[in-house]
Amino acid sequence: MTNTRVGQKVDVFADTIAEMTWQEVEQAAQRGAVLLWAFGVIEQHGPHLPAGTDVYVPSARLQQLKRRLADRNIEALIVPPYYWGVNQVSASFPASYTVRPEVMIELMADVFASVRRDGFSRVFCFSGHGDPSHNLTIFRGVVEGANRTGMRIGFVTDRDLAARIGLAADDPHLVLYKPAVRPVGGLDIHAGEVETSTMMCYCGSLVRDHFLTSLLSTDYGPADLAEWRQGGAHARRKTPLGYFGNPAAARPETGKRSTEALVEKLAMAIESRIAASATS
């Protein structure tokens, strides 16, 4: 369990409500601050990344997003990340845990009701995990929470994912942005170049560098992805080591660039939604 990279590690409670006093939270709600909430899972990420990758990565993004929104005069607080998510694709691997969608939806609704009592009226939710069932559950939890509390709650996601899980682009509970352009070559889906690069940049001490040179690119295309997404034995057969992509190509600077580009898209989407609702 050793690694050769010595670097920083994102604290998933850093810059979140968990580090604030109740009075500081109350005052932020009175000022009209919005809430940012990420939904990840504990899930295997190959032999080189920790099972908490889908929690660490969105936590790093939201910490940057909070600062980017502040530059736009939008005050935001970060809700500590949710990590007991829905996992079908990698569920057959050890260290890959799942809960029933209805359990996750009810927990989300309870938290929304709690922050509503604190005086917050708007929440933006984000996914740290690509499983279709997980993302559809986030959306359903957002809708349920909005219906029960009357809050403005949005699921911030890219247009391709929303379409893939059957959501209408004009749904008022969605806050959409354009997805990144896929690189030419094999697909990079799970614990591959981009995800590994991001972990190198923000959680370098958790990356098992000594595995990377031995991890060959999967060089898979759309048909392989469709089979892998069936999960269970299909996922174990397609990715016996648990990664889908080319982790050996990862570099910290790639993670930094991709994160900064994504955070800018998120900030623009949130700013546009807030501006639109202010005039409606």
Protein backbone atom coordinates (compact mmCIF):
# COMPACT_ATOMS: atom_id res chain seq x y z
CA MET A 1 0.00 0.00 0.00
CA THR A 2 2.92 2.35 -0.47
CA ASN A 3 3.23 5.07 -3.06
CA THR A 4 6.13 7.02 -4.46
CA ARG A 5 4.38 10.35 -4.91
CA VAL A 6 4.53 12.76 -2.01
CA GLY A 7 1.97 15.52 -2.35
CA GLN A 8 -1.09 17.20 -0.99
CA LYS A 9 -4.34 15.44 -0.19
CA VAL A 10 -7.71 17.13 -0.45
CA ASP A 11 -9.51 17.36 2.87
CA VAL A 12 -13.14 16.66 1.94
CA PHE A 13 -14.33 18.78 4.90
CA ALA A 14 -12.12 21.76 3.95
CA ASP A 15 -14.11 24.91 3.12
CA THR A 16 -17.38 23.12 3.94
CA ILE A 17 -20.12 23.80 6.45
CA ALA A 18 -18.45 21.21 8.69
CA GLU A 19 -15.69 23.73 9.48
CA MET A 20 -18.09 26.58 10.24
CA THR A 21 -19.96 27.52 13.41
CA TRP A 22 -23.74 27.53 13.48
CA GLN A 23 -23.74 31.32 13.68
CA GLU A 24 -21.54 31.61 10.58
CA VAL A 25 -23.89 29.29 8.70
CA GLU A 26 -26.95 31.21 9.84
CA GLN A 27 -25.44 34.52 8.76
CA ALA A 28 -24.51 33.12 5.33
CA ALA A 29 -28.08 31.90 4.84
CA GLN A 30 -29.39 35.34 5.76
CA ARG A 31 -27.09 36.87 3.13
CA GLY A 32 -28.57 34.60 0.49
CA ALA A 33 -25.66 32.19 0.03
CA VAL A 34 -26.23 29.19 -2.23
CA LEU A 35 -25.22 25.65 -1.35
CA LEU A 36 -23.00 23.29 -3.36
CA TRP A 37 -23.35 19.54 -2.74
CA ALA A 38 -21.37 16.73 -4.41
CA PHE A 39 -22.51 13.11 -4.65
CA GLY A 40 -19.82 10.45 -5.01
CA VAL A 41 -19.36 6.82 -4.10
CA ILE A 42 -16.77 4.58 -2.51
CA GLU A 43 -15.75 2.47 -5.49
CA GLN A 44 -12.70 0.65 -6.83
CA HIS A 45 -10.51 2.71 -9.14
CA GLY A 46 -7.94 0.23 -10.40
CA PRO A 47 -4.72 -0.75 -8.65
CA HIS A 48 -3.41 2.83 -8.64
CA LEU A 49 -6.19 5.03 -7.20
CA PRO A 50 -8.02 4.91 -3.86
CA ALA A 51 -11.64 3.81 -3.52
CA GLY A 52 -12.54 7.35 -2.46
CA THR A 53 -11.53 8.92 -5.78
CA ASP A 54 -15.13 9.83 -6.64
CA VAL A 55 -15.30 11.79 -3.39
CA TYR A 56 -11.87 13.44 -3.50
CA VAL A 57 -12.21 14.69 -7.09
CA PRO A 58 -15.56 16.51 -6.76
CA SER A 59 -14.44 17.91 -3.39
CA ALA A 60 -11.43 19.51 -5.10
CA ARG A 61 -13.69 20.88 -7.83
CA LEU A 62 -16.18 22.43 -5.41
CA GLN A 63 -13.43 24.08 -3.39
CA GLN A 64 -12.30 25.80 -6.58
CA LEU A 65 -15.87 26.50 -7.67
CA LYS A 66 -16.63 28.26 -4.39
CA ARG A 67 -13.75 30.66 -5.05
CA ARG A 68 -14.72 31.12 -8.71
CA LEU A 69 -18.29 32.00 -7.72
CA ALA A 70 -17.00 34.48 -5.15
CA ASP A 71 -15.21 36.26 -8.00
CA ARG A 72 -18.67 36.61 -9.58
CA ASN A 73 -20.12 38.00 -6.33
CA ILE A 74 -21.99 34.77 -5.61
CA GLU A 75 -21.51 33.52 -2.07
CA ALA A 76 -21.55 29.74 -1.81
CA LEU A 77 -21.17 27.24 0.99
CA ILE A 78 -20.15 23.63 0.41
CA VAL A 79 -22.16 20.81 1.98
CA PRO A 80 -19.89 17.92 3.10
CA PRO A 81 -19.84 15.32 0.30
CA TYR A 82 -22.26 12.42 0.06
CA TYR A 83 -20.49 9.12 -0.61
CA TRP A 84 -22.85 6.16 -0.08
CA GLY A 85 -24.13 6.18 -3.64
CA VAL A 86 -25.63 3.86 -6.22
CA ASN A 87 -23.08 1.63 -7.94
CA GLN A 88 -24.02 -0.96 -10.55
CA VAL A 89 -21.10 -1.01 -12.99
CA SER A 90 -18.29 -1.72 -10.50
CA ALA A 91 -20.39 -3.32 -7.79
CA SER A 92 -18.82 -6.75 -8.33
CA PHE A 93 -15.38 -5.45 -7.29
CA PRO A 94 -14.27 -5.25 -3.66
CA ALA A 95 -14.40 -1.76 -2.08
CA SER A 96 -17.33 -0.82 -4.34
CA TYR A 97 -20.42 -0.14 -2.27
CA THR A 98 -23.99 0.65 -3.17
CA VAL A 99 -27.21 1.69 -1.50
CA ARG A 100 -30.78 1.42 -2.74
CA PRO A 101 -31.88 4.44 -4.76
CA GLU A 102 -34.87 5.01 -2.51
CA VAL A 103 -32.57 5.21 0.52
CA MET A 104 -30.40 7.82 -1.17
CA ILE A 105 -33.43 9.85 -2.28
CA GLU A 106 -34.90 9.91 1.22
CA LEU A 107 -31.57 10.95 2.74
CA MET A 108 -31.25 13.74 0.20
CA ALA A 109 -34.76 14.94 0.95
CA ASP A 110 -34.05 14.99 4.70
CA VAL A 111 -30.88 17.04 4.22
CA PHE A 112 -32.69 19.47 1.91
CA ALA A 113 -35.36 19.93 4.57
CA SER A 114 -32.67 20.58 7.18
CA VAL A 115 -30.86 23.26 5.19
CA ARG A 116 -34.22 24.79 4.32
CA ARG A 117 -34.85 25.24 8.05
CA ASP A 118 -31.48 27.02 8.24
CA GLY A 119 -32.81 29.56 5.79
CA PHE A 120 -31.20 28.43 2.54
CA SER A 121 -33.34 28.52 -0.58
CA ARG A 122 -31.06 27.30 -3.36
CA VAL A 123 -28.86 24.22 -3.75
CA PHE A 124 -26.74 23.10 -6.68
CA CYS A 125 -25.94 19.37 -6.78
CA PHE A 126 -23.07 17.67 -8.61
CA SER A 127 -22.08 14.10 -9.39
CA GLY A 128 -18.65 12.63 -8.79
CA HIS A 129 -19.58 9.26 -10.27
CA GLY A 130 -20.57 8.29 -13.81
CA ASP A 131 -22.88 5.35 -13.13
CA PRO A 132 -26.21 6.07 -14.90
CA SER A 133 -28.27 4.76 -11.97
CA HIS A 134 -26.38 7.00 -9.54
CA ASN A 135 -26.97 10.10 -11.64
CA LEU A 136 -30.63 9.32 -12.23
CA THR A 137 -31.01 8.88 -8.47
CA ILE A 138 -29.41 12.28 -7.84
CA PHE A 139 -31.90 13.84 -10.24
CA ARG A 140 -34.85 12.11 -8.59
CA GLY A 141 -33.60 13.20 -5.17
CA VAL A 142 -33.33 16.77 -6.43
CA VAL A 143 -36.92 16.68 -7.72
CA GLU A 144 -38.21 15.13 -4.51
CA GLY A 145 -36.34 17.64 -2.37
CA ALA A 146 -37.64 20.57 -4.42
CA ASN A 147 -41.21 19.30 -4.23
CA ARG A 148 -41.08 18.80 -0.46
CA THR A 149 -39.29 21.99 0.50
CA GLY A 150 -40.13 24.51 -2.21
CA MET A 151 -36.40 25.20 -2.62
CA ARG A 152 -34.73 25.86 -5.93
CA ILE A 153 -32.58 22.77 -6.31
CA GLY A 154 -30.65 22.01 -9.49
CA PHE A 155 -28.64 19.05 -10.72
CA VAL A 156 -25.60 20.53 -12.49
CA THR A 157 -24.43 18.12 -15.18
CA ASP A 158 -23.31 17.96 -18.78
CA ARG A 159 -25.77 17.68 -21.63
CA ASP A 160 -24.52 14.31 -22.85
CA LEU A 161 -25.01 12.62 -19.49
CA ALA A 162 -28.47 14.11 -19.07
CA ALA A 163 -29.49 12.80 -22.50
CA ARG A 164 -27.96 9.38 -21.80
CA ILE A 165 -30.08 8.87 -18.70
CA GLY A 166 -33.23 10.07 -20.45
CA LEU A 167 -33.66 13.56 -19.00
CA ALA A 168 -35.18 16.42 -20.98
CA ALA A 169 -32.76 19.28 -21.57
CA ASP A 170 -35.44 21.84 -20.62
CA ASP A 171 -36.25 20.24 -17.27
CA PRO A 172 -36.22 23.06 -14.67
CA HIS A 173 -34.33 20.88 -12.20
CA LEU A 174 -31.34 20.59 -14.55
CA VAL A 175 -28.48 23.07 -14.88
CA LEU A 176 -26.62 21.99 -18.00
CA TYR A 177 -23.25 22.75 -19.53
CA LYS A 178 -21.44 21.53 -22.62
CA PRO A 179 -19.30 18.43 -22.05
CA ALA A 180 -15.59 18.37 -22.75
CA VAL A 181 -14.50 17.27 -26.22
CA ARG A 182 -13.42 13.64 -26.13
CA PRO A 183 -9.82 13.02 -27.24
CA VAL A 184 -9.16 10.99 -30.36
CA GLY A 185 -8.36 7.33 -29.64
CA GLY A 186 -9.53 4.91 -26.98
CA LEU A 187 -12.21 6.06 -24.55
CA ASP A 188 -11.09 7.37 -21.16
CA ILE A 189 -13.92 6.52 -18.78
CA HIS A 190 -12.83 5.24 -15.38
CA ALA A 191 -9.51 5.59 -13.52
CA GLY A 192 -7.91 6.51 -16.84
CA GLU A 193 -5.78 9.45 -17.90
CA VAL A 194 -8.00 12.35 -16.83
CA GLU A 195 -9.15 10.94 -13.51
CA THR A 196 -5.66 9.79 -12.61
CA SER A 197 -4.24 13.16 -13.65
CA THR A 198 -6.75 14.95 -11.43
CA MET A 199 -5.85 12.78 -8.46
CA MET A 200 -2.15 13.41 -9.12
CA CYS A 201 -2.79 17.14 -9.04
CA TYR A 202 -4.99 17.34 -5.96
CA CYS A 203 -4.37 14.12 -4.02
CA GLY A 204 -0.91 13.13 -5.21
CA SER A 205 0.02 11.25 -2.05
CA LEU A 206 -2.81 8.77 -2.68
CA VAL A 207 -1.75 7.76 -6.19
CA ARG A 208 0.19 4.47 -6.37
CA ASP A 209 2.68 5.65 -8.96
CA HIS A 210 4.61 2.41 -9.04
CA PHE A 211 1.68 0.69 -10.77
CA LEU A 212 1.30 3.18 -13.60
CA THR A 213 4.01 2.03 -16.00
CA SER A 214 2.56 -1.49 -15.99
CA LEU A 215 -1.00 -0.38 -16.79
CA LEU A 216 -1.56 -0.69 -20.53
CA SER A 217 -4.19 1.41 -22.26
CA THR A 218 -7.48 -0.47 -22.68
CA ASP A 219 -7.99 1.13 -26.14
CA TYR A 220 -11.70 0.45 -25.96
CA GLY A 221 -14.43 1.95 -28.10
CA PRO A 222 -18.20 2.49 -27.79
CA ALA A 223 -19.11 -1.20 -28.09
CA ASP A 224 -16.73 -2.09 -25.28
CA LEU A 225 -18.18 0.71 -23.18
CA ALA A 226 -21.71 -0.57 -23.68
CA GLU A 227 -20.66 -4.04 -22.53
CA TRP A 228 -18.74 -2.64 -19.52
CA ARG A 229 -21.74 -0.60 -18.43
CA GLN A 230 -23.74 -3.79 -17.98
CA GLY A 231 -21.70 -4.26 -14.81
CA GLY A 232 -21.18 -7.49 -12.89
CA ALA A 233 -19.29 -10.16 -14.80
CA HIS A 234 -19.26 -7.96 -17.90
CA ALA A 235 -17.31 -5.21 -16.15
CA ARG A 236 -14.91 -7.69 -14.53
CA ARG A 237 -14.21 -9.30 -17.89
CA LYS A 238 -13.70 -6.04 -19.78
CA THR A 239 -11.62 -4.39 -17.06
CA PRO A 240 -10.10 -7.09 -14.85
CA LEU A 241 -7.85 -4.53 -13.14
CA GLY A 242 -10.70 -2.06 -12.71
CA TYR A 243 -9.71 0.79 -15.05
CA PHE A 244 -11.05 1.90 -18.45
CA GLY A 245 -8.63 4.20 -20.27
CA ASN A 246 -4.93 4.99 -20.21
CA PRO A 247 -3.77 5.85 -16.67
CA ALA A 248 -0.08 5.60 -17.63
CA ALA A 249 -0.51 8.78 -19.70
CA ALA A 250 -1.63 10.78 -16.66
CA ARG A 251 0.16 13.99 -15.68
CA PRO A 252 -0.66 16.46 -12.87
CA GLU A 253 -0.83 19.38 -15.30
CA THR A 254 -3.52 17.55 -17.29
CA GLY A 255 -5.59 17.26 -14.15
CA LYS A 256 -5.14 20.93 -13.36
CA ARG A 257 -6.14 22.07 -16.84
CA SER A 258 -9.20 19.82 -17.06
CA THR A 259 -10.38 20.81 -13.59
CA GLU A 260 -9.99 24.53 -14.22
CA ALA A 261 -11.87 24.24 -17.52
CA LEU A 262 -14.70 22.31 -15.89
CA VAL A 263 -14.96 24.69 -12.93
CA GLU A 264 -15.30 27.62 -15.33
CA LYS A 265 -18.19 25.87 -17.07
CA LEU A 266 -19.86 25.12 -13.74
CA ALA A 267 -19.52 28.71 -12.58
CA MET A 268 -20.97 30.06 -15.81
CA ALA A 269 -23.91 27.64 -15.68
CA ILE A 270 -24.71 28.54 -12.08
CA GLU A 271 -24.36 32.28 -12.69
CA SER A 272 -26.69 32.02 -15.69
CA ARG A 273 -29.31 30.08 -13.72
CA ILE A 274 -29.26 32.56 -10.84
CA ALA A 275 -29.53 35.49 -13.25
CA ALA A 276 -32.42 33.85 -15.12
CA SER A 277 -34.38 33.13 -11.95
CA ALA A 278 -33.87 36.69 -10.74
CA THR A 279 -35.77 38.00 -13.76
CA SER A 280 -38.51 35.36 -13.78
